[in-house]
Amino acid sequence: MKFLTFIFISTILILNFTACGSNTIKTNQTNTDNNNNITSDDNILQTAYDSKQTDIQVHGKGIVTKILSDDTSGSKHQKFILQLASGQTLLISHNIDISTKIDTLSINDSIEFYGEYVWNSKGGLVHWTHHDPKREHIDGYLKHQNITYD
């Protein structure tokens, strides 16, 4: 079953990648459930969570519900919790040794993200929300108040 779910998600991501013509996989952001604004991005993230998948590139948008203190051990990371329209929560771990910290971040702000999803029991974590200086990993980003942090 996990393999079939992986194939399903991989197929969706490949089709979206091909449709975009770039290295950013975007799903149709206008494809929402009119009752609660759940996007197809949320559905992909929920499927990844339900099937305990990890290390997949994801795109989405959420509302900041908690700002955590920066992780300063090793590479420095700005950390905060997002809640998706689906209700799923994600920990965002944004490397601020490579990218710029979002100094203006506040509770209830909207954040768009593109990065690598890692499963955990609380909803998941998204990291690699920055460019890769070594060019070995797909570049990610965060977008806040029309400013892209990569």
C-alpha atoms as a PDB file:
ATOM      1  CA  MET A   1       0.000   0.000   0.000  1.00  0.00           C
ATOM      2  CA  LYS A   2       2.841   2.425   0.823  1.00  0.00           C
ATOM      3  CA  PHE A   3       4.375   1.700  -2.568  1.00  0.00           C
ATOM      4  CA  LEU A   4       1.102   2.460  -4.381  1.00  0.00           C
ATOM      5  CA  THR A   5       0.713   5.705  -2.446  1.00  0.00           C
ATOM      6  CA  PHE A   6       4.291   6.621  -3.336  1.00  0.00           C
ATOM      7  CA  ILE A   7       3.613   5.902  -7.029  1.00  0.00           C
ATOM      8  CA  PHE A   8       0.417   7.986  -6.882  1.00  0.00           C
ATOM      9  CA  ILE A   9       2.120  10.997  -5.293  1.00  0.00           C
ATOM     10  CA  SER A  10       5.148  10.660  -7.577  1.00  0.00           C
ATOM     11  CA  THR A  11       2.902  10.628 -10.642  1.00  0.00           C
ATOM     12  CA  ILE A  12       1.074  13.756  -9.489  1.00  0.00           C
ATOM     13  CA  LEU A  13       4.352  15.551  -8.796  1.00  0.00           C
ATOM     14  CA  ILE A  14       5.857  14.533 -12.144  1.00  0.00           C
ATOM     15  CA  LEU A  15       2.759  15.666 -14.035  1.00  0.00           C
ATOM     16  CA  ASN A  16       2.792  18.988 -12.219  1.00  0.00           C
ATOM     17  CA  PHE A  17       6.527  19.393 -12.794  1.00  0.00           C
ATOM     18  CA  THR A  18       6.081  18.782 -16.518  1.00  0.00           C
ATOM     19  CA  ALA A  19       3.177  21.214 -16.688  1.00  0.00           C
ATOM     20  CA  CYS A  20       5.164  23.980 -14.971  1.00  0.00           C
ATOM     21  CA  GLY A  21       8.224  23.741 -17.196  1.00  0.00           C
ATOM     22  CA  SER A  22      10.582  24.605 -14.338  1.00  0.00           C
ATOM     23  CA  ASN A  23      12.153  23.024 -11.305  1.00  0.00           C
ATOM     24  CA  THR A  24       9.250  24.187  -9.117  1.00  0.00           C
ATOM     25  CA  ILE A  25       6.423  21.716  -8.833  1.00  0.00           C
ATOM     26  CA  LYS A  26       3.203  23.631  -8.382  1.00  0.00           C
ATOM     27  CA  THR A  27      -0.251  22.214  -8.138  1.00  0.00           C
ATOM     28  CA  ASN A  28      -3.308  24.071  -9.322  1.00  0.00           C
ATOM     29  CA  GLN A  29      -3.738  26.574  -6.528  1.00  0.00           C
ATOM     30  CA  THR A  30      -7.192  27.553  -7.767  1.00  0.00           C
ATOM     31  CA  ASN A  31      -8.414  23.974  -7.360  1.00  0.00           C
ATOM     32  CA  THR A  32      -9.984  24.374  -3.935  1.00  0.00           C
ATOM     33  CA  ASP A  33     -12.831  22.882  -1.993  1.00  0.00           C
ATOM     34  CA  ASN A  34     -15.305  25.784  -1.798  1.00  0.00           C
ATOM     35  CA  ASN A  35     -16.337  24.838   1.731  1.00  0.00           C
ATOM     36  CA  ASN A  36     -12.956  25.225   3.421  1.00  0.00           C
ATOM     37  CA  ASN A  37     -10.343  26.402   0.882  1.00  0.00           C
ATOM     38  CA  ILE A  38      -8.380  23.151   1.033  1.00  0.00           C
ATOM     39  CA  THR A  39      -6.066  23.113  -1.971  1.00  0.00           C
ATOM     40  CA  SER A  40      -4.630  20.178  -3.857  1.00  0.00           C
ATOM     41  CA  ASP A  41      -1.318  21.097  -2.171  1.00  0.00           C
ATOM     42  CA  ASP A  42      -2.962  20.400   1.192  1.00  0.00           C
ATOM     43  CA  ASN A  43      -4.247  17.069  -0.112  1.00  0.00           C
ATOM     44  CA  ILE A  44      -0.733  16.027  -1.195  1.00  0.00           C
ATOM     45  CA  LEU A  45       0.639  16.999   2.221  1.00  0.00           C
ATOM     46  CA  GLN A  46      -2.157  15.125   3.992  1.00  0.00           C
ATOM     47  CA  THR A  47      -1.461  12.016   1.897  1.00  0.00           C
ATOM     48  CA  ALA A  48       2.249  12.279   2.687  1.00  0.00           C
ATOM     49  CA  TYR A  49       1.419  12.560   6.392  1.00  0.00           C
ATOM     50  CA  ASP A  50      -1.092   9.689   6.370  1.00  0.00           C
ATOM     51  CA  SER A  51       1.353   7.366   4.584  1.00  0.00           C
ATOM     52  CA  LYS A  52       4.363   8.536   6.646  1.00  0.00           C
ATOM     53  CA  GLN A  53       6.285   9.590   3.556  1.00  0.00           C
ATOM     54  CA  THR A  54       9.434  11.619   3.800  1.00  0.00           C
ATOM     55  CA  ASP A  55      11.903  13.456   1.563  1.00  0.00           C
ATOM     56  CA  ILE A  56       9.368  14.682  -1.002  1.00  0.00           C
ATOM     57  CA  GLN A  57       9.248  18.152  -2.533  1.00  0.00           C
ATOM     58  CA  VAL A  58       6.097  20.018  -1.554  1.00  0.00           C
ATOM     59  CA  HIS A  59       4.487  23.374  -2.192  1.00  0.00           C
ATOM     60  CA  GLY A  60       1.813  25.010  -0.094  1.00  0.00           C
ATOM     61  CA  LYS A  61       0.546  27.901   1.930  1.00  0.00           C
ATOM     62  CA  GLY A  62      -0.338  28.256   5.573  1.00  0.00           C
ATOM     63  CA  ILE A  63      -0.904  30.615   8.474  1.00  0.00           C
ATOM     64  CA  VAL A  64       1.738  31.129  11.168  1.00  0.00           C
ATOM     65  CA  THR A  65       0.354  29.852  14.485  1.00  0.00           C
ATOM     66  CA  LYS A  66       3.537  29.834  16.570  1.00  0.00           C
ATOM     67  CA  ILE A  67       6.999  31.343  16.245  1.00  0.00           C
ATOM     68  CA  LEU A  68       9.706  29.272  17.892  1.00  0.00           C
ATOM     69  CA  SER A  69      13.156  30.418  18.938  1.00  0.00           C
ATOM     70  CA  ASP A  70      15.874  30.049  16.335  1.00  0.00           C
ATOM     71  CA  ASP A  71      17.865  26.829  16.392  1.00  0.00           C
ATOM     72  CA  THR A  72      21.467  27.994  16.759  1.00  0.00           C
ATOM     73  CA  SER A  73      23.182  24.618  17.142  1.00  0.00           C
ATOM     74  CA  GLY A  74      24.987  23.764  13.913  1.00  0.00           C
ATOM     75  CA  SER A  75      23.470  25.592  10.942  1.00  0.00           C
ATOM     76  CA  LYS A  76      21.114  28.301  12.182  1.00  0.00           C
ATOM     77  CA  HIS A  77      17.426  27.780  11.435  1.00  0.00           C
ATOM     78  CA  GLN A  78      14.396  30.014  11.855  1.00  0.00           C
ATOM     79  CA  LYS A  79      11.529  27.823  13.082  1.00  0.00           C
ATOM     80  CA  PHE A  80       7.795  28.349  13.152  1.00  0.00           C
ATOM     81  CA  ILE A  81       4.560  26.399  12.937  1.00  0.00           C
ATOM     82  CA  LEU A  82       2.138  26.791  10.038  1.00  0.00           C
ATOM     83  CA  GLN A  83      -1.428  25.589   9.893  1.00  0.00           C
ATOM     84  CA  LEU A  84      -2.791  24.640   6.485  1.00  0.00           C
ATOM     85  CA  ALA A  85      -6.416  25.208   5.465  1.00  0.00           C
ATOM     86  CA  SER A  86      -6.914  21.466   6.016  1.00  0.00           C
ATOM     87  CA  GLY A  87      -5.953  21.881   9.692  1.00  0.00           C
ATOM     88  CA  GLN A  88      -2.662  19.989   9.299  1.00  0.00           C
ATOM     89  CA  THR A  89       0.289  21.677  11.007  1.00  0.00           C
ATOM     90  CA  LEU A  90       3.845  21.854   9.713  1.00  0.00           C
ATOM     91  CA  LEU A  91       7.086  22.850  11.365  1.00  0.00           C
ATOM     92  CA  ILE A  92       9.034  25.089   8.996  1.00  0.00           C
ATOM     93  CA  SER A  93      12.797  24.929   9.510  1.00  0.00           C
ATOM     94  CA  HIS A  94      14.381  27.663   7.378  1.00  0.00           C
ATOM     95  CA  ASN A  95      18.194  27.735   7.155  1.00  0.00           C
ATOM     96  CA  ILE A  96      19.259  31.309   7.925  1.00  0.00           C
ATOM     97  CA  ASP A  97      22.952  30.610   7.375  1.00  0.00           C
ATOM     98  CA  ILE A  98      22.107  30.191   3.679  1.00  0.00           C
ATOM     99  CA  SER A  99      18.997  32.341   3.275  1.00  0.00           C
ATOM    100  CA  THR A 100      17.702  35.481   4.938  1.00  0.00           C
ATOM    101  CA  LYS A 101      15.680  35.358   8.139  1.00  0.00           C
ATOM    102  CA  ILE A 102      12.111  36.679   7.907  1.00  0.00           C
ATOM    103  CA  ASP A 103      12.449  39.432  10.522  1.00  0.00           C
ATOM    104  CA  THR A 104       8.888  40.711  10.052  1.00  0.00           C
ATOM    105  CA  LEU A 105       7.216  37.335  10.687  1.00  0.00           C
ATOM    106  CA  SER A 106       4.175  37.491  13.004  1.00  0.00           C
ATOM    107  CA  ILE A 107       1.414  35.211  14.236  1.00  0.00           C
ATOM    108  CA  ASN A 108      -1.442  34.957  11.665  1.00  0.00           C
ATOM    109  CA  ASP A 109       0.835  35.871   8.737  1.00  0.00           C
ATOM    110  CA  SER A 110       0.406  33.911   5.524  1.00  0.00           C
ATOM    111  CA  ILE A 111       3.465  32.014   4.233  1.00  0.00           C
ATOM    112  CA  GLU A 112       3.897  30.239   0.921  1.00  0.00           C
ATOM    113  CA  PHE A 113       6.549  27.519   0.955  1.00  0.00           C
ATOM    114  CA  TYR A 114       8.399  25.155  -1.328  1.00  0.00           C
ATOM    115  CA  GLY A 115      10.724  22.642   0.264  1.00  0.00           C
ATOM    116  CA  GLU A 116      11.298  19.082   1.342  1.00  0.00           C
ATOM    117  CA  TYR A 117       8.684  17.372   3.538  1.00  0.00           C
ATOM    118  CA  VAL A 118       9.777  15.057   6.341  1.00  0.00           C
ATOM    119  CA  TRP A 119       7.130  13.082   8.235  1.00  0.00           C
ATOM    120  CA  ASN A 120       6.666  13.400  11.986  1.00  0.00           C
ATOM    121  CA  SER A 121       3.754  12.600  14.273  1.00  0.00           C
ATOM    122  CA  LYS A 122       2.765  16.267  14.646  1.00  0.00           C
ATOM    123  CA  GLY A 123       2.025  16.866  10.955  1.00  0.00           C
ATOM    124  CA  GLY A 124       5.469  17.019   9.413  1.00  0.00           C
ATOM    125  CA  LEU A 125       8.433  19.275   8.884  1.00  0.00           C
ATOM    126  CA  VAL A 126       9.425  21.253   5.794  1.00  0.00           C
ATOM    127  CA  HIS A 127      13.068  22.177   5.300  1.00  0.00           C
ATOM    128  CA  TRP A 128      15.290  23.002   2.295  1.00  0.00           C
ATOM    129  CA  THR A 129      13.320  26.252   1.956  1.00  0.00           C
ATOM    130  CA  HIS A 130      16.371  27.939   0.436  1.00  0.00           C
ATOM    131  CA  HIS A 131      18.711  27.623  -2.526  1.00  0.00           C
ATOM    132  CA  ASP A 132      21.423  24.974  -2.449  1.00  0.00           C
ATOM    133  CA  PRO A 133      24.853  26.622  -2.827  1.00  0.00           C
ATOM    134  CA  LYS A 134      26.279  23.255  -3.971  1.00  0.00           C
ATOM    135  CA  ARG A 135      23.536  22.842  -6.609  1.00  0.00           C
ATOM    136  CA  GLU A 136      22.932  19.237  -5.478  1.00  0.00           C
ATOM    137  CA  HIS A 137      19.377  19.688  -4.153  1.00  0.00           C
ATOM    138  CA  ILE A 138      16.272  21.294  -5.597  1.00  0.00           C
ATOM    139  CA  ASP A 139      16.058  24.935  -4.522  1.00  0.00           C
ATOM    140  CA  GLY A 140      13.260  25.869  -2.160  1.00  0.00           C
ATOM    141  CA  TYR A 141      11.836  29.137  -0.863  1.00  0.00           C
ATOM    142  CA  LEU A 142       9.507  30.897   1.537  1.00  0.00           C
ATOM    143  CA  LYS A 143       7.308  33.782   0.427  1.00  0.00           C
ATOM    144  CA  HIS A 144       6.071  36.340   2.958  1.00  0.00           C
ATOM    145  CA  GLN A 145       4.381  39.657   2.152  1.00  0.00           C
ATOM    146  CA  ASN A 146       5.389  39.352  -1.527  1.00  0.00           C
ATOM    147  CA  ILE A 147       9.067  38.875  -0.640  1.00  0.00           C
ATOM    148  CA  THR A 148      10.723  35.599  -1.598  1.00  0.00           C
ATOM    149  CA  TYR A 149      13.330  34.202   0.777  1.00  0.00           C
ATOM    150  CA  ASP A 150      15.539  31.655  -0.964  1.00  0.00           C
END
